[in-house]
C-alpha cells in the first residue's frame, strides 16, 4: 500500500503543489533530449542514405572530439582546429568507403553492420594511440551559467545546444529534400543496384554521407565534450541514442529530434517524481523501457516508414 501511494499519489501531489518545478524539470529534460538527438542524427544520416546501421557513430563522435581538442592543445586556433578536424573526418570517410564499404557492395545488411563494429574498435584504439586516453577539458567559450527566464531556471549551455541542433536539422532537411545529392542518397538507400544502373556513383554517395555524418559527429562531440569533458566514455552515449531512434524512426531526421525530446523529458520527469519510489536511478533505464513499448506497438517509430511485404 505504501509503495502504491509512493508511485501513484505522491508524484501527482508534488506536481499539483509546485507546477513551476514540473515545468522546470520538463524544460531541462527537453534540452537534454536535444543532446541525445545530436547523436541520433548521425545514425539517421547513414541509415537513411545506405540502409546501414552504423554502430561506429558513437566512436566517430569521440574520435572527432579527440582530434579537435588535440589540435587545440597543439596550439591551433579553434577555428583552424575545427576546419582541420572536418578535413580529417572527410578523409576518414574516403578510407572507410575504399577499404570497408566498396568490397561489401550488395552484401547482406548484417555483414555491413558487423563491418561497422570493426570500425568502432579500430577508431577506439587508433584514437587512444594518437591522442592518449586521458580526460581532456574542452572550453570554446560556450556559457554554462544558469539563467532565469520567466521564473524558470535554465542552463545557458543547453540553450546553445538546442540552437545548434535546430540549425543542423534545418540544414539536413533541406539537403535531403531539395538537393540533387540528397535525392541520390535516398535512391541509393532504396536499392543499391538500381541506383548504380541509372548512373548514381555509389562510392561517391557513400563518401558524402559518411563525411556529413562525421561532421555531425564533430559538432556532437564538441557539445558533449564541452559539457562532460572529452573522454572515452563519450562513445557510450550512442547507447542512449538507440531509444531515440526507436521512438523517432530510423529514417527520419525530424524523428531523431522528437524522439530525443521525448526521451529527455520523460526520463527527467520519471527520475524526479518516480525515482524515489524505485530507489533512484530510474533515469538509466527509463528510455529503454519506453523504447520496448514502442517496439511492441509501433516498431517503425513515430515518423518511420511502415514496411509492407506482400507474399
Protein backbone atom coordinates (compact mmCIF):
# COMPACT_ATOMS: atom_id res chain seq x y z
CA UNK A 1 0.00 0.00 0.00
CA UNK A 2 2.80 2.41 0.86
CA UNK A 3 4.56 1.56 -2.40
CA UNK A 4 1.42 2.23 -4.46
CA UNK A 5 0.96 5.54 -2.68
CA UNK A 6 4.57 6.48 -3.40
CA UNK A 7 4.16 5.62 -7.10
CA UNK A 8 0.71 7.00 -7.88
CA UNK A 9 -0.24 9.54 -5.22
CA UNK A 10 2.90 11.34 -4.06
CA UNK A 11 4.18 12.40 -7.52
CA UNK A 12 0.85 13.93 -8.55
CA UNK A 13 0.56 15.70 -5.21
CA UNK A 14 4.05 17.16 -5.74
CA UNK A 15 3.12 18.32 -9.24
CA UNK A 16 -0.06 19.97 -8.00
CA UNK A 17 1.80 21.74 -5.19
CA UNK A 18 4.62 23.04 -7.40
CA UNK A 19 3.73 23.25 -11.12
CA UNK A 20 6.64 25.66 -11.75
CA UNK A 21 9.07 22.96 -10.65
CA UNK A 22 7.44 20.47 -13.04
CA UNK A 23 7.85 22.95 -15.89
CA UNK A 24 11.50 23.45 -14.96
CA UNK A 25 12.11 19.68 -14.95
CA UNK A 26 10.39 19.27 -18.33
CA UNK A 27 12.36 22.11 -19.94
CA UNK A 28 15.61 20.73 -18.54
CA UNK A 29 14.71 17.31 -19.90
CA UNK A 30 13.83 18.70 -23.33
CA UNK A 31 17.16 20.48 -23.55
CA UNK A 32 18.99 17.30 -22.50
CA UNK A 33 17.00 15.45 -25.14
CA UNK A 34 18.40 17.80 -27.77
CA UNK A 35 21.87 16.49 -26.90
CA UNK A 36 20.64 12.91 -27.44
CA UNK A 37 19.15 13.98 -30.76
CA UNK A 38 22.52 15.25 -31.97
CA UNK A 39 23.93 11.75 -31.56
CA UNK A 40 20.91 10.14 -33.21
CA UNK A 41 21.24 12.41 -36.26
CA UNK A 42 24.47 10.69 -37.28
CA UNK A 43 22.79 7.27 -37.16
CA UNK A 44 19.82 8.53 -39.19
CA UNK A 45 22.02 10.07 -41.88
CA UNK A 46 23.89 6.87 -42.71
CA UNK A 47 20.87 4.58 -42.31
CA UNK A 48 18.70 6.86 -44.45
CA UNK A 49 21.26 7.01 -47.24
CA UNK A 50 22.68 3.50 -47.23
CA UNK A 51 20.41 1.28 -45.16
CA UNK A 52 23.36 0.51 -42.86
CA UNK A 53 23.05 0.81 -39.09
CA UNK A 54 26.37 2.46 -38.26
CA UNK A 55 27.40 1.06 -34.89
CA UNK A 56 30.55 3.21 -35.15
CA UNK A 57 28.70 6.53 -34.92
CA UNK A 58 29.35 6.84 -31.19
CA UNK A 59 33.10 6.34 -31.58
CA UNK A 60 33.10 8.74 -34.56
CA UNK A 61 31.75 11.38 -32.17
CA UNK A 62 34.57 10.55 -29.76
CA UNK A 63 37.27 10.46 -32.46
CA UNK A 64 36.18 13.83 -33.87
CA UNK A 65 36.15 15.42 -30.42
CA UNK A 66 39.59 13.92 -29.58
CA UNK A 67 41.04 15.26 -32.82
CA UNK A 68 39.52 18.70 -32.28
CA UNK A 69 40.73 19.13 -28.70
CA UNK A 70 44.08 17.54 -29.55
CA UNK A 71 44.74 20.06 -32.31
CA UNK A 72 43.76 22.90 -29.98
CA UNK A 73 46.20 21.60 -27.38
CA UNK A 74 48.91 21.59 -30.06
CA UNK A 75 48.41 25.34 -30.43
CA UNK A 76 45.90 25.64 -33.28
CA UNK A 77 43.25 28.36 -33.09
CA UNK A 78 39.75 27.00 -32.50
CA UNK A 79 38.50 27.88 -35.99
CA UNK A 80 41.50 26.25 -37.68
CA UNK A 81 41.21 23.14 -35.49
CA UNK A 82 37.54 22.90 -36.47
CA UNK A 83 38.34 23.06 -40.20
CA UNK A 84 41.24 20.63 -39.82
CA UNK A 85 39.02 18.15 -37.97
CA UNK A 86 36.43 18.39 -40.74
CA UNK A 87 39.19 17.51 -43.19
CA UNK A 88 40.18 14.53 -41.01
CA UNK A 89 36.58 13.25 -40.89
CA UNK A 90 36.23 13.61 -44.67
CA UNK A 91 39.49 11.71 -45.14
CA UNK A 92 38.17 9.04 -42.75
CA UNK A 93 35.04 8.76 -44.90
CA UNK A 94 37.20 8.16 -48.00
CA UNK A 95 39.17 5.43 -46.20
CA UNK A 96 36.03 3.71 -44.88
CA UNK A 97 34.42 3.73 -48.33
CA UNK A 98 37.51 2.39 -50.07
CA UNK A 99 38.64 -0.21 -47.53
CA UNK A 100 35.37 -1.35 -45.93
CA UNK A 101 32.26 -0.44 -47.89
CA UNK A 102 33.29 -0.85 -51.53
CA UNK A 103 34.23 -4.54 -51.16
CA UNK A 104 30.88 -5.17 -49.42
CA UNK A 105 28.51 -3.66 -52.00
CA UNK A 106 25.24 -5.65 -52.22
CA UNK A 107 26.12 -7.76 -49.19
CA UNK A 108 23.51 -8.50 -46.54
CA UNK A 109 22.84 -5.67 -44.05
CA UNK A 110 24.15 -7.81 -41.18
CA UNK A 111 27.53 -8.01 -42.94
CA UNK A 112 27.74 -4.23 -43.20
CA UNK A 113 26.63 -3.90 -39.59
CA UNK A 114 29.43 -6.21 -38.46
CA UNK A 115 31.86 -4.13 -40.53
CA UNK A 116 30.83 -1.00 -38.60
CA UNK A 117 31.55 -2.86 -35.35
CA UNK A 118 35.07 -3.45 -36.67
CA UNK A 119 35.37 0.27 -37.49
CA UNK A 120 34.30 1.01 -33.90
CA UNK A 121 37.12 -0.98 -32.33
CA UNK A 122 39.69 0.33 -34.81
CA UNK A 123 38.82 4.01 -34.20
CA UNK A 124 38.72 3.44 -30.45
CA UNK A 125 42.22 2.01 -30.44
CA UNK A 126 43.58 4.44 -33.03
CA UNK A 127 42.21 7.40 -31.07
CA UNK A 128 43.98 6.22 -27.91
CA UNK A 129 47.20 5.65 -29.85
CA UNK A 130 47.25 9.15 -31.36
CA UNK A 131 45.72 11.30 -28.60
CA UNK A 132 46.08 9.24 -25.42
CA UNK A 133 43.38 8.10 -23.03
CA UNK A 134 43.37 10.96 -20.51
CA UNK A 135 40.26 13.07 -19.98
CA UNK A 136 40.66 16.35 -21.87
CA UNK A 137 38.97 19.62 -20.94
CA UNK A 138 37.30 21.37 -23.88
CA UNK A 139 36.38 25.01 -23.40
CA UNK A 140 35.50 27.00 -26.50
CA UNK A 141 33.65 29.75 -24.70
CA UNK A 142 30.12 28.30 -24.58
CA UNK A 143 28.45 29.85 -21.50
CA UNK A 144 27.37 27.43 -18.78
CA UNK A 145 25.86 29.78 -16.22
CA UNK A 146 22.24 29.17 -15.18
CA UNK A 147 19.80 31.92 -16.08
CA UNK A 148 16.22 32.57 -15.03
CA UNK A 149 13.59 33.06 -17.75
CA UNK A 150 10.04 33.67 -16.57
CA UNK A 151 10.89 32.23 -13.17
CA UNK A 152 12.32 29.04 -14.72
CA UNK A 153 15.97 28.11 -14.13
CA UNK A 154 17.68 27.19 -17.42
CA UNK A 155 21.29 26.41 -18.27
CA UNK A 156 22.72 28.65 -20.99
CA UNK A 157 24.73 25.74 -22.40
CA UNK A 158 21.55 23.77 -23.02
CA UNK A 159 20.07 26.70 -24.94
CA UNK A 160 23.15 26.87 -27.17
CA UNK A 161 22.96 23.10 -27.79
CA UNK A 162 19.28 23.44 -28.73
CA UNK A 163 20.09 26.24 -31.19
CA UNK A 164 22.90 24.17 -32.76
CA UNK A 165 20.60 21.15 -33.13
CA UNK A 166 17.92 23.32 -34.74
CA UNK A 167 20.37 24.65 -37.32
CA UNK A 168 21.65 21.15 -38.08
CA UNK A 169 18.18 19.70 -38.54
CA UNK A 170 17.07 22.53 -40.80
CA UNK A 171 20.20 22.24 -42.92
CA UNK A 172 19.99 18.44 -43.22
CA UNK A 173 16.28 18.55 -44.08
CA UNK A 174 16.98 20.98 -46.92
CA UNK A 175 19.96 18.90 -48.03
CA UNK A 176 17.94 15.66 -48.31
CA UNK A 177 14.76 17.13 -49.79
CA UNK A 178 15.93 19.94 -52.06
CA UNK A 179 19.33 18.98 -53.45
CA UNK A 180 20.29 16.57 -56.22
CA UNK A 181 22.79 14.84 -53.95
CA UNK A 182 20.16 14.41 -51.25
CA UNK A 183 17.76 12.74 -53.67
CA UNK A 184 20.57 10.50 -54.88
CA UNK A 185 21.26 9.49 -51.29
CA UNK A 186 17.65 8.41 -50.85
CA UNK A 187 17.75 6.48 -54.14
CA UNK A 188 20.84 4.58 -53.01
CA UNK A 189 19.09 3.68 -49.75
CA UNK A 190 16.15 2.18 -51.66
CA UNK A 191 18.22 -0.07 -53.94
CA UNK A 192 22.00 -0.07 -54.43
CA UNK A 193 21.88 -1.99 -57.70
CA UNK A 194 19.10 0.14 -59.19
CA UNK A 195 20.94 3.32 -58.24
CA UNK A 196 24.05 2.07 -59.98
CA UNK A 197 22.04 1.17 -63.09
CA UNK A 198 20.81 4.76 -63.52
CA UNK A 199 24.28 6.23 -63.17
CA UNK A 200 24.41 7.20 -59.49
CA UNK A 201 28.03 6.74 -58.34
CA UNK A 202 27.63 4.63 -55.22
CA UNK A 203 31.16 5.18 -53.92
CA UNK A 204 30.80 8.97 -54.18
CA UNK A 205 27.44 8.92 -52.42
CA UNK A 206 28.82 6.85 -49.54
CA UNK A 207 31.80 9.17 -49.13
CA UNK A 208 29.44 12.15 -48.99
CA UNK A 209 27.08 10.66 -46.42
CA UNK A 210 29.88 9.37 -44.17
CA UNK A 211 31.56 12.78 -44.43
CA UNK A 212 28.35 14.54 -43.41
CA UNK A 213 27.84 12.05 -40.56
CA UNK A 214 31.42 12.73 -39.48
CA UNK A 215 30.81 16.49 -39.42
CA UNK A 216 27.62 15.96 -37.42
CA UNK A 217 29.69 13.75 -35.11
CA UNK A 218 32.21 16.57 -34.72
CA UNK A 219 29.52 19.06 -33.72
CA UNK A 220 28.05 16.49 -31.34
CA UNK A 221 31.47 15.76 -29.86
CA UNK A 222 32.12 19.45 -29.28
CA UNK A 223 28.79 19.85 -27.48
CA UNK A 224 29.18 16.76 -25.30
CA UNK A 225 32.90 17.31 -24.79
CA UNK A 226 32.34 20.91 -23.67
CA UNK A 227 29.75 19.66 -21.19
CA UNK A 228 31.38 16.50 -19.83
CA UNK A 229 34.99 16.66 -20.99
CA UNK A 230 36.43 14.67 -23.89
CA UNK A 231 36.79 11.14 -22.57
CA UNK A 232 36.36 7.64 -23.97
CA UNK A 233 33.05 7.16 -22.20
CA UNK A 234 31.64 9.61 -24.79
CA UNK A 235 31.38 6.73 -27.23
CA UNK A 236 28.81 5.13 -24.90
CA UNK A 237 26.33 7.96 -25.48
CA UNK A 238 25.47 6.10 -28.67
CA UNK A 239 23.63 3.62 -26.46
CA UNK A 240 21.25 6.36 -25.32
CA UNK A 241 20.65 7.27 -28.97
CA UNK A 242 19.13 3.84 -29.64
CA UNK A 243 15.85 4.51 -27.79
CA UNK A 244 15.73 7.88 -29.54
CA UNK A 245 15.97 6.15 -32.93
CA UNK A 246 13.33 3.59 -32.00
CA UNK A 247 10.90 6.31 -30.94
CA UNK A 248 11.50 8.67 -33.85
CA UNK A 249 12.18 6.18 -36.62
CA UNK A 250 15.50 5.18 -38.17
CA UNK A 251 14.93 7.14 -41.39
CA UNK A 252 13.51 10.41 -40.07
CA UNK A 253 15.64 13.46 -39.28
CA UNK A 254 12.77 15.28 -37.53
CA UNK A 255 12.03 11.98 -35.78
CA UNK A 256 15.52 12.00 -34.26
CA UNK A 257 14.76 15.37 -32.71
CA UNK A 258 11.27 14.47 -31.50
CA UNK A 259 12.49 11.14 -30.13
CA UNK A 260 15.29 12.88 -28.26
CA UNK A 261 12.87 15.38 -26.74
CA UNK A 262 10.53 12.61 -25.59
CA UNK A 263 13.35 10.58 -24.07
CA UNK A 264 14.96 13.59 -22.41
CA UNK A 265 11.78 14.97 -20.88
CA UNK A 266 10.42 11.54 -19.97
CA UNK A 267 13.49 10.34 -18.12
CA UNK A 268 13.90 13.59 -16.18
CA UNK A 269 10.27 13.62 -15.04
CA UNK A 270 10.44 9.91 -14.18
CA UNK A 271 13.65 10.36 -12.18
CA UNK A 272 12.47 13.38 -10.22
CA UNK A 273 8.91 12.30 -9.44
CA UNK A 274 9.01 8.48 -9.59
CA UNK A 275 12.69 7.79 -8.86
CA UNK A 276 12.34 7.76 -5.04
CA UNK A 277 9.64 5.08 -5.23
CA UNK A 278 12.00 2.80 -7.18
CA UNK A 279 15.13 3.57 -5.19
CA UNK A 280 16.51 6.08 -7.72
CA UNK A 281 18.50 5.58 -10.94
CA UNK A 282 15.28 5.26 -12.98
CA UNK A 283 16.86 7.68 -15.46
CA UNK A 284 19.32 4.97 -16.51
CA UNK A 285 16.70 2.54 -17.79
CA UNK A 286 13.55 4.57 -18.41
CA UNK A 287 14.41 5.30 -22.07
CA UNK A 288 14.92 1.62 -22.84
CA UNK A 289 11.60 0.62 -21.28
CA UNK A 290 9.88 3.33 -23.31
CA UNK A 291 11.59 2.03 -26.45
CA UNK A 292 10.41 -1.50 -25.63
CA UNK A 293 6.81 -0.27 -25.50
CA UNK A 294 7.24 1.34 -28.93
CA UNK A 295 8.72 -1.87 -30.35
CA UNK A 296 5.64 -3.75 -29.18
CA UNK A 297 3.03 -1.35 -30.53
CA UNK A 298 4.72 0.81 -33.19
CA UNK A 299 8.04 -0.75 -34.23
CA UNK A 300 8.61 1.70 -37.10
CA UNK A 301 8.60 4.65 -34.66
CA UNK A 302 6.59 7.85 -34.77
CA UNK A 303 7.97 9.05 -38.10
CA UNK A 304 9.35 5.85 -39.60
CA UNK A 305 8.01 4.30 -42.76
CA UNK A 306 5.78 1.26 -42.34
CA UNK A 307 7.20 -1.60 -44.42
CA UNK A 308 4.58 -3.86 -46.02
CA UNK A 309 5.81 -7.03 -47.67
CA UNK A 310 3.43 -8.90 -49.95
CA UNK A 311 3.88 -12.60 -50.40
